[in-house]
């Protein structure tokens, strides 16, 4: 009560969620499938702080990650047993086209 808004800053969501899965994988030094396994293990896709899906027109959805997601992965990666993470989240089979 009695507070005054000093400024409103608009942030372009695509600038905030600036990383794709390939970007995350490159920056943490893992393959894309193993990076996705870590993302699933840390439940990153269920937090708007870390992840957002964008749809532009009729295009396929773009899955994007924030720099905070990269920080979270880097912080947690040392404590994860990648063999166990991979067993829990590895792809179960290839999709047929």
N, C-alpha and C. Protein backbone atom coordinates (compact mmCIF):
# COMPACT_ATOMS: atom_id res chain seq x y z
N UNK A 1 0.83 -1.19 0.00
CA UNK A 1 0.00 0.00 0.00
C UNK A 1 0.87 1.25 0.00
N UNK A 2 0.50 2.21 -0.81
CA UNK A 2 1.24 3.46 -0.87
C UNK A 2 2.49 3.40 -1.72
N UNK A 3 2.78 2.23 -2.29
CA UNK A 3 3.99 2.09 -3.13
C UNK A 3 3.72 2.67 -4.51
N UNK A 4 4.78 3.16 -5.14
CA UNK A 4 4.68 3.74 -6.46
C UNK A 4 5.56 2.94 -7.42
N UNK A 5 5.01 2.70 -8.62
CA UNK A 5 5.78 2.01 -9.64
C UNK A 5 6.74 3.02 -10.26
N UNK A 6 8.04 2.73 -10.21
CA UNK A 6 9.03 3.65 -10.75
C UNK A 6 9.26 3.42 -12.24
N UNK A 7 9.26 2.15 -12.64
CA UNK A 7 9.52 1.86 -14.04
C UNK A 7 8.98 0.47 -14.37
N UNK A 8 8.60 0.31 -15.61
CA UNK A 8 8.19 -0.99 -16.11
C UNK A 8 9.14 -1.34 -17.24
N UNK A 9 9.77 -2.47 -17.11
CA UNK A 9 10.73 -2.88 -18.12
C UNK A 9 10.19 -4.08 -18.85
N UNK A 10 10.08 -3.97 -20.17
CA UNK A 10 9.62 -5.08 -20.97
C UNK A 10 10.83 -5.86 -21.46
N UNK A 11 10.73 -7.17 -21.34
CA UNK A 11 11.81 -8.04 -21.79
C UNK A 11 11.29 -8.89 -22.92
N UNK A 12 12.04 -8.94 -23.99
CA UNK A 12 11.67 -9.80 -25.11
C UNK A 12 11.85 -11.25 -24.67
N UNK A 13 10.77 -12.04 -24.64
CA UNK A 13 10.88 -13.41 -24.15
C UNK A 13 11.89 -14.26 -24.94
N UNK A 14 12.00 -14.02 -26.24
CA UNK A 14 12.96 -14.81 -27.03
C UNK A 14 14.40 -14.43 -26.70
N UNK A 15 14.61 -13.24 -26.18
CA UNK A 15 15.94 -12.86 -25.74
C UNK A 15 16.26 -13.50 -24.38
N UNK A 16 15.24 -13.58 -23.53
CA UNK A 16 15.44 -14.19 -22.21
C UNK A 16 15.66 -15.70 -22.34
N UNK A 17 14.81 -16.36 -23.13
CA UNK A 17 14.96 -17.80 -23.37
C UNK A 17 15.79 -17.96 -24.63
N UNK A 18 17.07 -17.71 -24.52
CA UNK A 18 17.94 -17.56 -25.68
C UNK A 18 18.68 -18.82 -26.11
N UNK A 19 18.49 -19.91 -25.40
CA UNK A 19 19.26 -21.13 -25.67
C UNK A 19 18.37 -22.28 -26.12
N UNK A 20 18.82 -22.98 -27.13
CA UNK A 20 18.18 -24.22 -27.53
C UNK A 20 18.91 -25.39 -26.89
N UNK A 21 18.42 -26.59 -27.12
CA UNK A 21 19.05 -27.78 -26.54
C UNK A 21 20.48 -27.93 -27.04
N UNK A 22 20.72 -27.66 -28.31
CA UNK A 22 22.08 -27.77 -28.87
C UNK A 22 23.03 -26.79 -28.17
N UNK A 23 22.54 -25.60 -27.87
CA UNK A 23 23.36 -24.60 -27.18
C UNK A 23 23.72 -25.08 -25.77
N UNK A 24 22.71 -25.60 -25.05
CA UNK A 24 22.97 -26.12 -23.71
C UNK A 24 24.00 -27.24 -23.76
N UNK A 25 23.81 -28.18 -24.69
CA UNK A 25 24.70 -29.34 -24.80
C UNK A 25 26.13 -28.89 -25.06
N UNK A 26 26.31 -27.94 -25.96
CA UNK A 26 27.65 -27.46 -26.29
C UNK A 26 28.31 -26.81 -25.07
N UNK A 27 27.53 -26.02 -24.34
CA UNK A 27 28.09 -25.28 -23.21
C UNK A 27 28.41 -26.16 -22.00
N UNK A 28 27.71 -27.30 -21.85
CA UNK A 28 28.00 -28.18 -20.72
C UNK A 28 28.87 -29.37 -21.12
N UNK A 29 29.12 -29.52 -22.41
CA UNK A 29 30.03 -30.57 -22.87
C UNK A 29 29.43 -31.96 -22.91
N UNK A 30 28.12 -32.03 -23.13
CA UNK A 30 27.44 -33.32 -23.26
C UNK A 30 26.78 -33.41 -24.63
N UNK A 31 26.41 -34.61 -25.03
CA UNK A 31 25.63 -34.77 -26.26
C UNK A 31 24.22 -34.21 -26.02
N UNK A 32 23.49 -33.96 -27.08
CA UNK A 32 22.13 -33.45 -26.92
C UNK A 32 21.24 -34.45 -26.18
N UNK A 33 21.29 -35.76 -26.52
CA UNK A 33 20.44 -36.69 -25.76
C UNK A 33 20.79 -36.74 -24.26
N UNK A 34 22.07 -36.68 -23.93
CA UNK A 34 22.44 -36.71 -22.51
C UNK A 34 22.07 -35.40 -21.81
N UNK A 35 22.17 -34.29 -22.53
CA UNK A 35 21.74 -33.02 -21.96
C UNK A 35 20.24 -33.05 -21.69
N UNK A 36 19.47 -33.60 -22.62
CA UNK A 36 18.03 -33.71 -22.42
C UNK A 36 17.73 -34.62 -21.22
N UNK A 37 18.50 -35.66 -21.03
CA UNK A 37 18.33 -36.53 -19.86
C UNK A 37 18.55 -35.73 -18.56
N UNK A 38 19.56 -34.87 -18.56
CA UNK A 38 19.83 -34.03 -17.39
C UNK A 38 18.68 -33.04 -17.18
N UNK A 39 18.19 -32.45 -18.27
CA UNK A 39 17.05 -31.53 -18.20
C UNK A 39 15.86 -32.23 -17.56
N UNK A 40 15.60 -33.46 -17.97
CA UNK A 40 14.48 -34.21 -17.39
C UNK A 40 14.74 -34.54 -15.93
N UNK A 41 15.94 -34.95 -15.61
CA UNK A 41 16.30 -35.30 -14.23
C UNK A 41 16.10 -34.11 -13.29
N UNK A 42 16.47 -32.92 -13.75
CA UNK A 42 16.38 -31.71 -12.92
C UNK A 42 15.02 -31.02 -13.04
N UNK A 43 14.13 -31.60 -13.85
CA UNK A 43 12.76 -31.08 -14.02
C UNK A 43 12.76 -29.63 -14.52
N UNK A 44 13.69 -29.32 -15.38
CA UNK A 44 13.87 -27.96 -15.87
C UNK A 44 12.71 -27.50 -16.74
N UNK A 45 12.12 -28.40 -17.50
CA UNK A 45 11.04 -27.99 -18.40
C UNK A 45 9.74 -27.68 -17.68
N UNK A 46 9.67 -27.89 -16.39
CA UNK A 46 8.47 -27.56 -15.63
C UNK A 46 8.59 -26.26 -14.84
N UNK A 47 9.60 -25.45 -15.18
CA UNK A 47 9.79 -24.18 -14.50
C UNK A 47 9.92 -23.05 -15.52
N UNK A 48 9.04 -22.05 -15.41
CA UNK A 48 9.13 -20.91 -16.33
C UNK A 48 10.41 -20.11 -16.14
N UNK A 49 11.06 -20.29 -15.02
CA UNK A 49 12.34 -19.62 -14.78
C UNK A 49 13.41 -20.16 -15.75
N UNK A 50 13.24 -21.42 -16.17
CA UNK A 50 14.25 -22.09 -16.98
C UNK A 50 13.84 -22.40 -18.42
N UNK A 51 12.54 -22.54 -18.68
CA UNK A 51 12.11 -23.11 -19.96
C UNK A 51 10.79 -22.50 -20.42
N UNK A 52 10.67 -22.37 -21.75
CA UNK A 52 9.41 -21.92 -22.33
C UNK A 52 9.32 -22.45 -23.76
N UNK A 53 8.12 -22.79 -24.17
CA UNK A 53 7.86 -23.22 -25.54
C UNK A 53 7.20 -22.06 -26.28
N UNK A 54 7.71 -21.77 -27.47
CA UNK A 54 7.16 -20.70 -28.30
C UNK A 54 6.60 -21.29 -29.58
N UNK A 55 5.52 -20.70 -30.05
CA UNK A 55 4.95 -21.09 -31.33
C UNK A 55 4.83 -19.81 -32.15
N UNK A 56 5.39 -19.84 -33.35
CA UNK A 56 5.32 -18.69 -34.25
C UNK A 56 4.50 -19.12 -35.46
N UNK A 57 3.31 -18.56 -35.58
CA UNK A 57 2.44 -18.95 -36.68
C UNK A 57 2.10 -20.42 -36.61
N UNK A 58 2.22 -21.09 -37.77
CA UNK A 58 1.91 -22.51 -37.83
C UNK A 58 3.15 -23.39 -37.72
N UNK A 59 4.25 -22.80 -37.35
CA UNK A 59 5.50 -23.56 -37.23
C UNK A 59 5.45 -24.51 -36.04
N UNK A 60 6.37 -25.45 -36.05
CA UNK A 60 6.51 -26.36 -34.91
C UNK A 60 6.92 -25.55 -33.69
N UNK A 61 6.58 -26.00 -32.51
CA UNK A 61 6.97 -25.25 -31.31
C UNK A 61 8.48 -25.21 -31.13
N UNK A 62 8.97 -24.07 -30.65
CA UNK A 62 10.38 -23.89 -30.35
C UNK A 62 10.56 -24.05 -28.84
N UNK A 63 11.38 -25.00 -28.44
CA UNK A 63 11.66 -25.21 -27.01
C UNK A 63 12.93 -24.45 -26.68
N UNK A 64 12.82 -23.49 -25.76
CA UNK A 64 13.93 -22.60 -25.45
C UNK A 64 14.22 -22.60 -23.95
N UNK A 65 15.49 -22.40 -23.63
CA UNK A 65 15.96 -22.41 -22.25
C UNK A 65 16.59 -21.07 -21.91
N UNK A 66 16.48 -20.68 -20.65
CA UNK A 66 17.07 -19.42 -20.20
C UNK A 66 18.51 -19.67 -19.74
N UNK A 67 19.30 -18.61 -19.65
CA UNK A 67 20.65 -18.76 -19.07
C UNK A 67 20.62 -19.32 -17.65
N UNK A 68 19.52 -19.11 -16.93
CA UNK A 68 19.38 -19.67 -15.58
C UNK A 68 19.36 -21.20 -15.64
N UNK A 69 18.79 -21.76 -16.71
CA UNK A 69 18.79 -23.22 -16.87
C UNK A 69 20.22 -23.73 -17.03
N UNK A 70 21.01 -23.00 -17.80
CA UNK A 70 22.42 -23.37 -17.97
C UNK A 70 23.14 -23.33 -16.63
N UNK A 71 22.90 -22.30 -15.84
CA UNK A 71 23.51 -22.20 -14.50
C UNK A 71 23.10 -23.38 -13.63
N UNK A 72 21.82 -23.70 -13.65
CA UNK A 72 21.29 -24.81 -12.84
C UNK A 72 21.97 -26.13 -13.24
N UNK A 73 22.08 -26.38 -14.54
CA UNK A 73 22.72 -27.62 -15.00
C UNK A 73 24.17 -27.65 -14.57
N UNK A 74 24.87 -26.56 -14.75
CA UNK A 74 26.29 -26.52 -14.35
C UNK A 74 26.45 -26.75 -12.85
N UNK A 75 25.56 -26.18 -12.04
CA UNK A 75 25.63 -26.35 -10.59
C UNK A 75 25.40 -27.80 -10.18
N UNK A 76 24.45 -28.47 -10.82
CA UNK A 76 24.02 -29.81 -10.41
C UNK A 76 24.81 -30.94 -11.07
N UNK A 77 25.44 -30.66 -12.20
CA UNK A 77 26.07 -31.71 -13.00
C UNK A 77 27.12 -32.50 -12.22
N UNK A 78 27.88 -31.85 -11.38
CA UNK A 78 28.92 -32.53 -10.61
C UNK A 78 28.38 -33.52 -9.60
N UNK A 79 27.14 -33.31 -9.15
CA UNK A 79 26.55 -34.22 -8.16
C UNK A 79 25.75 -35.35 -8.78
N UNK A 80 25.55 -35.30 -10.10
CA UNK A 80 24.75 -36.33 -10.76
C UNK A 80 25.60 -37.51 -11.20
N UNK A 81 25.06 -38.70 -11.05
CA UNK A 81 25.67 -39.90 -11.61
C UNK A 81 25.08 -40.05 -13.01
N UNK A 82 25.87 -39.67 -14.03
CA UNK A 82 25.35 -39.64 -15.39
C UNK A 82 24.91 -41.00 -15.89
N UNK A 83 25.53 -42.08 -15.43
CA UNK A 83 25.08 -43.42 -15.84
C UNK A 83 23.66 -43.68 -15.35
N UNK A 84 23.38 -43.31 -14.10
CA UNK A 84 22.04 -43.50 -13.55
C UNK A 84 21.03 -42.57 -14.24
N UNK A 85 21.41 -41.32 -14.45
CA UNK A 85 20.53 -40.36 -15.12
C UNK A 85 20.20 -40.87 -16.52
N UNK A 86 21.20 -41.35 -17.23
CA UNK A 86 21.00 -41.84 -18.59
C UNK A 86 20.07 -43.06 -18.59
N UNK A 87 20.25 -43.97 -17.66
CA UNK A 87 19.38 -45.14 -17.59
C UNK A 87 17.92 -44.76 -17.34
N UNK A 88 17.70 -43.75 -16.51
CA UNK A 88 16.33 -43.32 -16.21
C UNK A 88 15.67 -42.58 -17.37
N UNK A 89 16.46 -41.84 -18.16
CA UNK A 89 15.86 -40.92 -19.13
C UNK A 89 16.27 -41.13 -20.58
N UNK A 90 17.02 -42.19 -20.87
CA UNK A 90 17.46 -42.39 -22.25
C UNK A 90 16.26 -42.67 -23.15
N UNK A 91 16.37 -42.33 -24.43
CA UNK A 91 15.28 -42.61 -25.37
C UNK A 91 15.02 -44.12 -25.42
N UNK A 92 13.76 -44.49 -25.54
CA UNK A 92 13.42 -45.91 -25.53
C UNK A 92 13.42 -46.52 -26.92
N UNK A 93 13.44 -45.72 -27.94
CA UNK A 93 13.45 -46.24 -29.31
C UNK A 93 13.30 -45.11 -30.29
N UNK A 94 13.65 -45.40 -31.51
CA UNK A 94 13.54 -44.37 -32.55
C UNK A 94 12.12 -44.33 -33.10
N UNK A 95 11.66 -43.13 -33.38
CA UNK A 95 10.35 -42.97 -34.02
C UNK A 95 10.50 -43.26 -35.50
N UNK A 96 9.50 -43.91 -36.03
CA UNK A 96 9.51 -44.17 -37.47
C UNK A 96 8.80 -43.05 -38.19
N UNK A 97 9.32 -42.73 -39.35
CA UNK A 97 8.70 -41.63 -40.14
C UNK A 97 7.88 -42.19 -41.26
